Amino acid sequence: MALAAVIGLSWSSNLSLLPSPSIPSRLSKRSVNSSSSSSSSVVVKGAISLEKEKEKKIFSLEKSEEIFNAAKDLMPGGVNSPVRAFKSVGGQPIVFDSVKGSHMWDVDGNKYIDYVGSWGPAIIGHADDKVNAALIETLKKGTSFGAPCLLENILAEMVISAMPSIEMVRFVNSGTEACMGALRLARAFTGRQKIIKFEGCYHGHADSFLVKAGSGIATLGLPDSPGVPKGATSDTLTSPINDIETIKSLFDAHKGEIAAVILEPVVGNAGFITPKSGFLDALREITKQNNALLIFDEVMTGFRLAYGGAQEYFNILPDLTTLGKIIGGGLPVGAYGGRKEIMEMVAPSGPMYQAGTLSGNPLAMTAGIHTLRRLKEPGCYDYLDKVTGELIGGILDAGKKAGHEISGGYIRGMFGFFFAAGPVDNFEHAKKSDTAKFARFHRGMLEEGIYLAPSQFEAGFTSLAHTSKDIEMTVEAAAKVLQRI
């Protein structure tokens, strides 16, 4: 079974682990004096029923394999984003057909409880009825204007009122675009060239960010990417996350040259790594002392850790913030924003140029507006905290009971765990975790109907659509898999 998974063939779950179907009470209470022919009929029917039940439980990815093999002749690696190819975990990549709430269905008819959430946007659940209804009405008016529309104003007002540090915002089409724009703006505003980023933090695939990046770069085991000229990264300085002394040293060594420090306030692209107590405060103070900007990449954490993002949760005000994922409600979107005096440097108000054909398109704005409205309802983040706490607590307990070294944590609707004793405070720690064991765990969880991110170096996400039953089933599945890997 493991070999089949590794070489990309379909594999079956261990049928011995399946619960035996219970015999209906009216049959179990039959008199032992029933005729032998009647008894034989019941036995035969029961046997057929059991066989059918077993057939239903076989986990097959035959159609996914067929489609994916065809895709490899059409697209590099068969995918449009590398982590989807399952290179980190092995086995057959899954081709999905539909999603709803907390669940996904693949082309083979397998159903999964989903903890990827389209890599973060699906915080209120997949294919939300109210969002879909609003999109249908907007669709009737057109998909893109290439001109201003009222919906941009509405979503901009919502983002500005939610994010403590944002006074003005520019919408784009992806997190990568948002980070590109924020970096260019930081350099334009300060008149400096150098930036500091943290090892394992991923800010999109722009050339200057592909230095000791996490996410897909970590998954593929690449230190950086071919095709990135040396000049594009020569002004990118790096430091381990949670290491304030290295930051001080870099500022001392490059006085008056550093435009900005950019980071994921909670790292989600090297697994789930939280800031040590006092780290973000110290970073804020150092950047102020050196007249450098602090940029929070909240593409993942924005509207997920709190309605006001990580900056609200940790009570730290950055100068610039990048957003994405949730503010588009599942449609392509990104944004960067900050203090008005900085943002007014962006064209056409100022000289820093940035533009986009589909930026602020009515569909993305509509989905974002209705997603944020749902998140403003009382109790949303308490609920996320509850279900995520039960999930990660259950997985960690099951892992320890099964004798594994395992550690992890969560904040509201974002979580992660490592097959390592912990604590995992930086990317170097994360890379020492047992990725081979994670791969076996991932494949086992797929067989149990649980879809986790196909890489040790990615955070997981819960949603308002996840129920207590979902969490219970996931923890039970994890306990089974952890016992057998």
Protein backbone atom coordinates (compact mmCIF):
# COMPACT_ATOMS: atom_id res chain seq x y z
CA MET A 1 0.00 0.00 0.00
CA ALA A 2 2.79 2.43 0.91
CA LEU A 3 4.67 1.60 -2.30
CA ALA A 4 1.57 2.28 -4.36
CA ALA A 5 1.21 5.65 -2.68
CA VAL A 6 4.82 6.60 -3.33
CA ILE A 7 4.80 5.74 -7.02
CA GLY A 8 1.53 7.58 -7.58
CA LEU A 9 -0.97 4.72 -7.86
CA SER A 10 -4.31 4.42 -6.11
CA TRP A 11 -4.23 2.80 -2.73
CA SER A 12 -6.87 1.29 -0.44
CA SER A 13 -7.42 1.97 3.21
CA ASN A 14 -6.93 -0.88 5.66
CA LEU A 15 -10.31 -2.59 5.68
CA SER A 16 -9.59 -4.22 9.02
CA LEU A 17 -9.81 -0.77 10.59
CA LEU A 18 -13.32 -0.17 9.28
CA PRO A 19 -16.19 -0.45 11.76
CA SER A 20 -18.32 -3.54 11.18
CA PRO A 21 -21.87 -2.69 10.12
CA SER A 22 -24.32 -3.45 12.91
CA ILE A 23 -26.99 -6.07 12.26
CA PRO A 24 -30.50 -4.59 12.35
CA SER A 25 -32.25 -5.33 15.63
CA ARG A 26 -35.21 -7.09 13.98
CA LEU A 27 -32.77 -9.68 12.58
CA SER A 28 -30.75 -10.09 15.74
CA LYS A 29 -33.95 -10.86 17.66
CA ARG A 30 -35.08 -13.58 15.25
CA SER A 31 -35.95 -16.85 16.92
CA VAL A 32 -33.26 -19.53 16.71
CA ASN A 33 -36.09 -21.81 15.58
CA SER A 34 -36.48 -20.02 12.24
CA SER A 35 -36.30 -22.31 9.24
CA SER A 36 -32.86 -23.05 7.84
CA SER A 37 -33.83 -21.62 4.43
CA SER A 38 -34.85 -18.35 6.04
CA SER A 39 -31.61 -18.27 8.05
CA SER A 40 -29.58 -18.96 4.93
CA SER A 41 -31.34 -16.13 3.13
CA VAL A 42 -30.50 -13.72 5.93
CA VAL A 43 -26.87 -14.85 5.98
CA VAL A 44 -26.52 -14.47 2.21
CA LYS A 45 -28.15 -11.04 2.23
CA GLY A 46 -25.99 -10.02 5.18
CA ALA A 47 -22.86 -11.17 3.40
CA ILE A 48 -23.81 -9.24 0.26
CA SER A 49 -24.56 -6.19 2.38
CA LEU A 50 -21.16 -6.46 4.10
CA GLU A 51 -19.36 -6.81 0.78
CA LYS A 52 -21.14 -3.75 -0.57
CA GLU A 53 -20.22 -1.84 2.57
CA LYS A 54 -16.57 -2.81 2.14
CA GLU A 55 -16.64 -1.80 -1.51
CA LYS A 56 -17.92 1.62 -0.54
CA LYS A 57 -15.07 2.06 1.92
CA ILE A 58 -12.26 1.37 -0.56
CA PHE A 59 -10.27 4.54 -1.11
CA SER A 60 -9.52 4.93 -4.79
CA LEU A 61 -7.97 7.81 -6.71
CA GLU A 62 -8.24 6.21 -10.15
CA LYS A 63 -9.91 9.19 -11.83
CA SER A 64 -7.61 11.67 -10.10
CA GLU A 65 -4.63 9.70 -11.39
CA GLU A 66 -5.97 9.66 -14.93
CA ILE A 67 -6.70 13.40 -14.97
CA PHE A 68 -3.43 14.30 -13.28
CA ASN A 69 -1.37 12.21 -15.71
CA ALA A 70 -3.01 14.08 -18.58
CA ALA A 71 -2.36 17.39 -16.81
CA LYS A 72 1.39 16.69 -16.68
CA ASP A 73 1.49 16.98 -20.47
CA LEU A 74 -0.35 20.30 -20.33
CA MET A 75 1.05 22.17 -17.33
CA PRO A 76 4.47 22.08 -15.59
CA GLY A 77 4.26 19.25 -13.06
CA GLY A 78 0.55 18.96 -13.80
CA VAL A 79 -0.35 21.88 -11.54
CA ASN A 80 -0.59 25.66 -11.42
CA SER A 81 0.98 25.96 -7.96
CA PRO A 82 3.79 23.57 -6.88
CA VAL A 83 2.58 22.36 -3.48
CA ARG A 84 -0.50 20.80 -5.10
CA ALA A 85 1.71 18.18 -6.74
CA PHE A 86 2.24 16.32 -3.41
CA LYS A 87 6.04 16.28 -3.90
CA SER A 88 6.53 16.68 -0.15
CA VAL A 89 4.20 13.88 0.94
CA GLY A 90 4.22 11.48 -2.00
CA GLY A 91 1.25 9.64 -3.38
CA GLN A 92 -1.33 10.63 -5.93
CA PRO A 93 -2.33 14.31 -6.04
CA ILE A 94 -6.08 14.67 -5.70
CA VAL A 95 -8.24 16.29 -8.35
CA PHE A 96 -11.27 17.91 -6.75
CA ASP A 97 -14.75 18.29 -8.15
CA SER A 98 -16.71 20.35 -5.61
CA VAL A 99 -16.69 21.94 -2.17
CA LYS A 100 -19.31 22.98 0.36
CA GLY A 101 -19.02 24.13 3.96
CA SER A 102 -16.20 22.20 5.63
CA HIS A 103 -16.14 19.43 3.02
CA MET A 104 -14.57 18.66 -0.36
CA TRP A 105 -15.40 15.94 -2.92
CA ASP A 106 -12.88 14.63 -5.43
CA VAL A 107 -13.54 13.32 -8.93
CA ASP A 108 -13.58 9.74 -7.58
CA GLY A 109 -16.43 10.56 -5.22
CA ASN A 110 -14.33 10.56 -2.02
CA LYS A 111 -15.49 13.02 0.63
CA TYR A 112 -13.06 14.87 2.92
CA ILE A 113 -13.20 17.17 5.92
CA ASP A 114 -11.05 20.05 4.70
CA TYR A 115 -8.38 21.88 6.73
CA VAL A 116 -6.75 23.72 3.82
CA GLY A 117 -9.67 26.03 3.04
CA SER A 118 -8.27 26.96 -0.38
CA TRP A 119 -5.10 27.94 1.54
CA GLY A 120 -6.96 30.32 3.84
CA PRO A 121 -9.79 32.21 2.13
CA ALA A 122 -12.64 29.85 3.13
CA ILE A 123 -12.95 31.07 6.72
CA ILE A 124 -16.77 31.07 6.66
CA GLY A 125 -16.85 27.77 4.79
CA HIS A 126 -16.72 26.82 1.12
CA ALA A 127 -19.42 28.01 -1.30
CA ASP A 128 -21.32 29.99 1.32
CA ASP A 129 -24.95 30.44 0.22
CA LYS A 130 -25.12 34.19 0.95
CA VAL A 131 -21.82 34.91 -0.76
CA ASN A 132 -22.83 32.84 -3.78
CA ALA A 133 -26.20 34.59 -4.03
CA ALA A 134 -24.51 37.99 -3.91
CA LEU A 135 -22.01 36.90 -6.57
CA ILE A 136 -24.81 35.79 -8.88
CA GLU A 137 -26.48 39.20 -8.61
CA THR A 138 -23.18 40.99 -9.24
CA LEU A 139 -22.39 38.69 -12.14
CA LYS A 140 -25.53 39.88 -13.92
CA LYS A 141 -24.00 43.39 -14.04
CA GLY A 142 -20.66 42.22 -15.42
CA THR A 143 -17.45 40.55 -14.29
CA SER A 144 -15.01 43.41 -14.72
CA PHE A 145 -15.32 47.10 -15.55
CA GLY A 146 -11.69 48.23 -15.73
CA ALA A 147 -13.04 51.37 -14.09
CA PRO A 148 -14.11 52.51 -10.60
CA CYS A 149 -17.14 50.88 -8.97
CA LEU A 150 -18.96 51.52 -5.68
CA LEU A 151 -18.06 48.07 -4.35
CA GLU A 152 -14.41 49.12 -4.12
CA ASN A 153 -15.36 51.94 -1.76
CA ILE A 154 -17.43 49.63 0.42
CA LEU A 155 -14.72 47.00 0.85
CA ALA A 156 -12.03 49.67 1.31
CA GLU A 157 -14.05 51.24 4.14
CA MET A 158 -14.47 47.81 5.77
CA VAL A 159 -10.75 47.04 5.58
CA ILE A 160 -9.74 50.47 6.89
CA SER A 161 -12.19 50.28 9.80
CA ALA A 162 -11.00 46.76 10.70
CA MET A 163 -7.21 47.07 10.45
CA PRO A 164 -5.82 49.39 13.17
CA SER A 165 -2.84 50.59 11.08
CA ILE A 166 -4.53 51.09 7.71
CA GLU A 167 -5.70 54.59 6.74
CA MET A 168 -5.69 54.03 2.98
CA VAL A 169 -5.67 50.87 0.86
CA ARG A 170 -4.91 49.74 -2.72
CA PHE A 171 -6.52 46.57 -4.05
CA VAL A 172 -4.58 44.18 -6.29
CA ASN A 173 -5.13 40.59 -7.45
CA SER A 174 -2.88 38.39 -5.26
CA GLY A 175 -0.78 38.30 -2.14
CA THR A 176 2.37 38.30 -4.26
CA GLU A 177 1.24 41.52 -5.97
CA ALA A 178 0.41 43.08 -2.59
CA CYS A 179 3.87 42.34 -1.22
CA MET A 180 5.56 43.58 -4.41
CA GLY A 181 3.64 46.84 -4.12
CA ALA A 182 4.36 47.26 -0.41
CA LEU A 183 8.08 46.66 -0.90
CA ARG A 184 8.33 49.13 -3.78
CA LEU A 185 6.39 51.67 -1.74
CA ALA A 186 8.66 51.22 1.31
CA ARG A 187 11.71 51.88 -0.87
CA ALA A 188 10.07 54.87 -2.52
CA PHE A 189 9.00 56.39 0.80
CA THR A 190 12.31 55.92 2.62
CA GLY A 191 14.65 56.43 -0.34
CA ARG A 192 16.52 53.29 0.76
CA GLN A 193 17.07 49.97 -0.99
CA LYS A 194 17.73 47.20 1.53
CA ILE A 195 15.06 45.11 3.22
CA ILE A 196 15.12 42.49 5.95
CA LYS A 197 13.02 39.35 5.64
CA PHE A 198 12.91 36.27 7.84
CA GLU A 199 14.01 32.76 7.00
CA GLY A 200 10.99 30.61 6.22
CA CYS A 201 8.65 33.55 5.64
CA TYR A 202 7.10 33.53 2.18
CA HIS A 203 5.91 36.77 0.63
CA GLY A 204 5.08 35.57 -2.84
CA HIS A 205 7.26 34.73 -5.80
CA ALA A 206 8.68 38.17 -6.62
CA ASP A 207 12.44 37.98 -7.24
CA SER A 208 13.54 39.94 -4.18
CA PHE A 209 11.55 37.68 -1.82
CA LEU A 210 12.88 34.32 -3.03
CA VAL A 211 15.67 34.20 -0.49
CA LYS A 212 15.38 31.60 2.26
CA ALA A 213 11.64 31.50 1.61
CA GLY A 214 9.25 28.95 3.05
CA SER A 215 6.10 27.47 1.50
CA GLY A 216 6.60 25.84 -1.89
CA ILE A 217 10.33 26.61 -1.86
CA ALA A 218 10.68 24.63 1.37
CA THR A 219 8.45 21.87 0.05
CA LEU A 220 10.63 21.37 -3.01
CA GLY A 221 13.85 21.67 -1.01
CA LEU A 222 15.15 24.59 -3.07
CA PRO A 223 17.30 27.21 -1.29
CA ASP A 224 16.13 29.79 -3.82
CA SER A 225 14.92 29.84 -7.40
CA PRO A 226 16.90 29.65 -10.64
CA GLY A 227 16.20 32.62 -12.88
CA VAL A 228 16.42 35.18 -10.07
CA PRO A 229 19.31 37.55 -10.90
CA LYS A 230 21.82 38.27 -8.16
CA GLY A 231 21.01 41.94 -8.40
CA ALA A 232 17.39 41.29 -7.46
CA THR A 233 18.33 39.80 -4.10
CA SER A 234 21.54 41.68 -3.30
CA ASP A 235 19.59 44.13 -1.15
CA THR A 236 17.62 41.42 0.67
CA LEU A 237 19.00 40.67 4.15
CA THR A 238 17.75 37.69 6.16
CA SER A 239 17.42 36.72 9.79
CA PRO A 240 15.95 33.77 11.69
CA ILE A 241 12.48 34.58 13.01
CA ASN A 242 12.33 35.34 16.75
CA ASP A 243 15.99 36.45 16.77
CA ILE A 244 16.06 40.11 17.73
CA GLU A 245 19.85 40.20 18.20
CA THR A 246 20.44 39.38 14.52
CA ILE A 247 18.07 42.21 13.57
CA LYS A 248 20.05 44.63 15.72
CA SER A 249 23.28 43.46 14.10
CA LEU A 250 21.87 43.96 10.61
CA PHE A 251 20.78 47.51 11.39
CA ASP A 252 24.20 48.25 12.90
CA ALA A 253 25.97 46.86 9.83
CA HIS A 254 23.76 48.73 7.35
CA LYS A 255 23.05 52.06 9.05
CA GLY A 256 20.76 54.30 7.03
CA GLU A 257 20.35 51.70 4.27
CA ILE A 258 17.41 49.56 5.40
CA ALA A 259 14.03 50.60 4.03
CA ALA A 260 11.86 48.03 5.78
CA VAL A 261 11.49 44.83 7.73
CA ILE A 262 8.80 42.50 6.38
CA LEU A 263 7.44 39.42 8.15
CA GLU A 264 4.49 37.15 8.65
CA PRO A 265 3.54 38.07 12.26
CA VAL A 266 2.58 34.43 12.67
CA VAL A 267 4.56 32.30 10.24
CA GLY A 268 2.32 30.10 8.14
CA ASN A 269 4.65 29.16 5.31
CA ALA A 270 7.19 27.19 7.35
CA GLY A 271 4.53 25.40 9.32
CA PHE A 272 2.83 27.29 12.16
CA ILE A 273 5.34 29.38 14.15
CA THR A 274 4.27 32.07 16.61
CA PRO A 275 6.33 35.08 17.71
CA LYS A 276 8.09 34.84 21.06
CA SER A 277 6.87 37.15 23.76
CA GLY A 278 8.24 40.65 23.17
CA PHE A 279 9.65 39.92 19.70
CA LEU A 280 7.14 41.99 17.72
CA ASP A 281 7.36 44.88 20.22
CA ALA A 282 11.15 44.90 19.93
CA LEU A 283 10.92 44.81 16.15
CA ARG A 284 8.54 47.76 16.17
CA GLU A 285 10.91 49.74 18.40
CA ILE A 286 14.04 48.98 16.35
CA THR A 287 12.42 49.97 13.07
CA LYS A 288 11.23 53.26 14.58
CA GLN A 289 14.69 54.01 15.97
CA ASN A 290 16.21 53.47 12.52
CA ASN A 291 13.50 55.27 10.51
CA ALA A 292 12.69 52.04 8.70
CA LEU A 293 9.19 50.77 7.96
CA LEU A 294 7.65 47.69 9.55
CA ILE A 295 5.55 45.65 7.11
CA PHE A 296 3.17 42.97 8.32
CA ASP A 297 2.38 40.38 5.67
CA GLU A 298 -1.14 39.53 6.82
CA VAL A 299 -2.16 37.67 3.68
CA MET A 300 -2.79 34.65 5.93
CA THR A 301 -3.41 36.23 9.33
CA GLY A 302 -5.58 39.15 8.23
CA PHE A 303 -9.16 38.63 9.45
CA ARG A 304 -8.17 35.15 10.65
CA LEU A 305 -6.50 35.69 14.04
CA ALA A 306 -8.94 38.52 14.77
CA TYR A 307 -11.16 40.80 12.73
CA GLY A 308 -8.29 43.28 12.83
CA GLY A 309 -5.72 40.62 12.05
CA ALA A 310 -2.47 39.88 13.87
CA GLN A 311 -1.92 43.59 14.51
CA GLU A 312 -5.10 43.68 16.59
CA TYR A 313 -4.36 40.34 18.24
CA PHE A 314 -0.81 41.33 19.28
CA ASN A 315 -1.55 45.07 19.61
CA ILE A 316 1.29 46.14 17.29
CA LEU A 317 0.89 48.83 14.63
CA PRO A 318 2.97 48.25 11.48
CA ASP A 319 3.53 51.00 8.92
CA LEU A 320 2.30 48.91 6.00
CA THR A 321 0.14 45.79 5.81
CA THR A 322 -0.44 43.32 3.01
CA LEU A 323 -3.69 41.37 2.75
CA GLY A 324 -5.26 38.72 0.53
CA LYS A 325 -7.16 35.43 0.78
CA ILE A 326 -10.07 36.23 3.14
CA ILE A 327 -10.74 39.74 1.78
CA GLY A 328 -11.63 38.14 -1.56
CA GLY A 329 -13.91 35.48 -0.13
CA GLY A 330 -12.40 32.81 -2.38
CA LEU A 331 -11.81 34.98 -5.46
CA PRO A 332 -8.37 36.28 -6.55
CA VAL A 333 -7.51 39.38 -4.54
CA GLY A 334 -4.80 41.18 -2.62
CA ALA A 335 -4.31 44.56 -0.99
CA TYR A 336 -1.71 46.71 0.66
CA GLY A 337 -2.36 49.64 2.94
CA GLY A 338 -0.98 51.78 5.70
CA ARG A 339 -0.52 55.31 6.93
CA LYS A 340 -2.01 57.92 4.61
CA GLU A 341 1.25 59.83 4.23
CA ILE A 342 2.91 56.66 2.91
CA MET A 343 0.04 55.48 0.71
CA GLU A 344 -0.28 58.86 -1.00
CA MET A 345 3.01 58.11 -2.73
CA VAL A 346 1.18 55.50 -4.84
CA ALA A 347 0.16 56.59 -8.36
CA PRO A 348 -1.85 58.53 -9.34
CA SER A 349 -1.57 60.44 -6.03
CA GLY A 350 2.21 60.12 -6.07
CA PRO A 351 5.16 58.94 -8.18
CA MET A 352 5.33 55.23 -7.21
CA TYR A 353 3.74 53.33 -10.06
CA GLN A 354 1.57 50.23 -9.69
CA ALA A 355 -1.48 49.16 -11.70
CA GLY A 356 -3.67 46.14 -12.48
CA THR A 357 -6.28 45.31 -15.12
CA LEU A 358 -8.57 43.34 -12.79
CA SER A 359 -7.77 45.18 -9.55
CA GLY A 360 -10.94 45.98 -7.59
CA ASN A 361 -13.11 43.89 -9.91
CA PRO A 362 -16.75 43.69 -8.76
CA LEU A 363 -16.82 39.93 -8.19
CA ALA A 364 -13.85 39.88 -5.79
CA MET A 365 -15.15 42.98 -4.01
CA THR A 366 -18.60 41.40 -3.58
CA ALA A 367 -17.24 38.14 -2.16
CA GLY A 368 -14.96 40.09 0.20
CA ILE A 369 -17.75 42.36 1.44
CA HIS A 370 -20.09 39.49 2.29
CA THR A 371 -17.33 37.42 3.89
CA LEU A 372 -16.29 40.28 6.17
CA ARG A 373 -19.90 40.98 7.08
CA ARG A 374 -20.23 37.41 8.29
CA LEU A 375 -17.03 37.71 10.33
CA LYS A 376 -18.34 40.81 12.09
CA GLU A 377 -21.15 38.81 13.66
CA PRO A 378 -20.67 38.26 17.42
CA GLY A 379 -18.95 35.08 18.54
CA CYS A 380 -17.20 34.19 15.26
CA TYR A 381 -13.66 34.26 16.62
CA ASP A 382 -14.66 32.61 19.89
CA TYR A 383 -16.09 29.75 17.82
CA LEU A 384 -12.93 29.46 15.70
CA ASP A 385 -10.87 29.41 18.88
CA LYS A 386 -13.02 26.64 20.33
CA VAL A 387 -13.03 24.26 17.37
CA THR A 388 -9.36 24.81 16.53
CA GLY A 389 -8.35 24.28 20.14
CA GLU A 390 -10.27 21.00 20.26
CA LEU A 391 -8.71 19.92 16.97
CA ILE A 392 -5.06 20.61 17.74
CA GLY A 393 -5.44 19.45 21.35
CA GLY A 394 -6.92 16.17 20.18
CA ILE A 395 -4.23 15.56 17.56
CA LEU A 396 -1.38 16.34 19.95
CA ASP A 397 -2.85 14.12 22.67
CA ALA A 398 -3.34 11.27 20.21
CA GLY A 399 0.21 11.65 18.94
CA LYS A 400 1.74 11.54 22.39
CA LYS A 401 -0.39 8.55 23.40
CA ALA A 402 0.87 6.73 20.32
CA GLY A 403 4.46 7.45 21.34
CA HIS A 404 5.33 10.13 18.78
CA GLU A 405 7.34 13.28 19.35
CA ILE A 406 4.83 15.94 18.35
CA SER A 407 4.31 19.61 19.10
CA GLY A 408 2.12 22.39 17.77
CA GLY A 409 -0.29 25.17 18.52
CA TYR A 410 -3.02 27.41 17.21
CA ILE A 411 -4.49 30.90 17.27
CA ARG A 412 -8.18 31.21 16.47
CA GLY A 413 -8.66 29.74 12.98
CA MET A 414 -5.01 28.92 12.19
CA PHE A 415 -3.00 25.94 13.47
CA GLY A 416 -0.07 23.66 12.87
CA PHE A 417 1.94 20.79 14.30
CA PHE A 418 5.33 19.20 13.77
CA PHE A 419 6.62 15.69 14.33
CA ALA A 420 9.26 17.08 16.68
CA ALA A 421 9.52 17.48 20.42
CA GLY A 422 9.50 21.27 20.11
CA PRO A 423 9.32 24.05 20.74
CA VAL A 424 9.61 25.05 17.08
CA ASP A 425 10.60 28.73 17.14
CA ASN A 426 12.13 29.19 13.71
CA PHE A 427 12.60 27.65 10.28
CA GLU A 428 15.74 25.73 11.27
CA HIS A 429 13.78 24.01 14.04
CA ALA A 430 10.96 23.27 11.59
CA LYS A 431 13.34 21.64 9.10
CA LYS A 432 14.48 19.20 11.80
CA SER A 433 11.00 17.75 12.19
CA ASP A 434 10.24 14.27 10.83
CA THR A 435 8.89 15.09 7.36
CA ALA A 436 8.86 11.43 6.32
CA LYS A 437 6.51 10.66 9.21
CA PHE A 438 4.35 13.62 8.27
CA ALA A 439 4.08 12.21 4.74
CA ARG A 440 2.86 8.86 6.09
CA PHE A 441 0.43 10.66 8.40
CA HIS A 442 -0.87 12.77 5.53
CA ARG A 443 -1.53 9.74 3.33
CA GLY A 444 -3.21 7.91 6.20
CA MET A 445 -5.48 10.87 6.91
CA LEU A 446 -6.52 11.04 3.26
CA GLU A 447 -7.62 7.41 3.49
CA GLU A 448 -9.70 8.35 6.54
CA GLY A 449 -11.35 11.24 4.69
CA ILE A 450 -9.34 14.12 6.13
CA TYR A 451 -7.65 16.64 3.84
CA LEU A 452 -4.62 18.39 5.34
CA ALA A 453 -2.11 20.62 3.57
CA PRO A 454 0.26 18.36 1.58
CA SER A 455 3.40 19.72 3.24
CA GLN A 456 4.82 19.83 6.74
CA PHE A 457 5.72 23.46 6.00
CA GLU A 458 2.18 24.82 5.68
CA ALA A 459 -0.25 26.00 8.34
CA GLY A 460 -3.76 24.56 8.57
CA PHE A 461 -7.06 26.43 8.70
CA THR A 462 -10.45 25.91 10.28
CA SER A 463 -13.69 27.68 9.39
CA LEU A 464 -17.02 28.67 10.84
CA ALA A 465 -18.49 25.74 8.90
CA HIS A 466 -16.50 23.14 10.86
CA THR A 467 -18.73 21.40 13.38
CA SER A 468 -17.95 19.62 16.62
CA LYS A 469 -18.70 16.39 14.75
CA ASP A 470 -16.09 17.29 12.11
CA ILE A 471 -13.52 17.83 14.84
CA GLU A 472 -14.47 14.62 16.64
CA MET A 473 -14.19 12.59 13.42
CA THR A 474 -10.83 14.19 12.60
CA VAL A 475 -9.35 13.47 16.01
CA GLU A 476 -10.61 9.86 15.85
CA ALA A 477 -9.05 9.49 12.40
CA ALA A 478 -5.77 10.98 13.61
CA ALA A 479 -5.67 8.57 16.55
CA LYS A 480 -6.09 5.60 14.16
CA VAL A 481 -3.41 6.80 11.78
CA LEU A 482 -0.96 7.76 14.51
CA GLN A 483 -1.24 4.26 15.96
CA ARG A 484 -0.37 2.58 12.68
CA ILE A 485 2.40 4.79 11.23
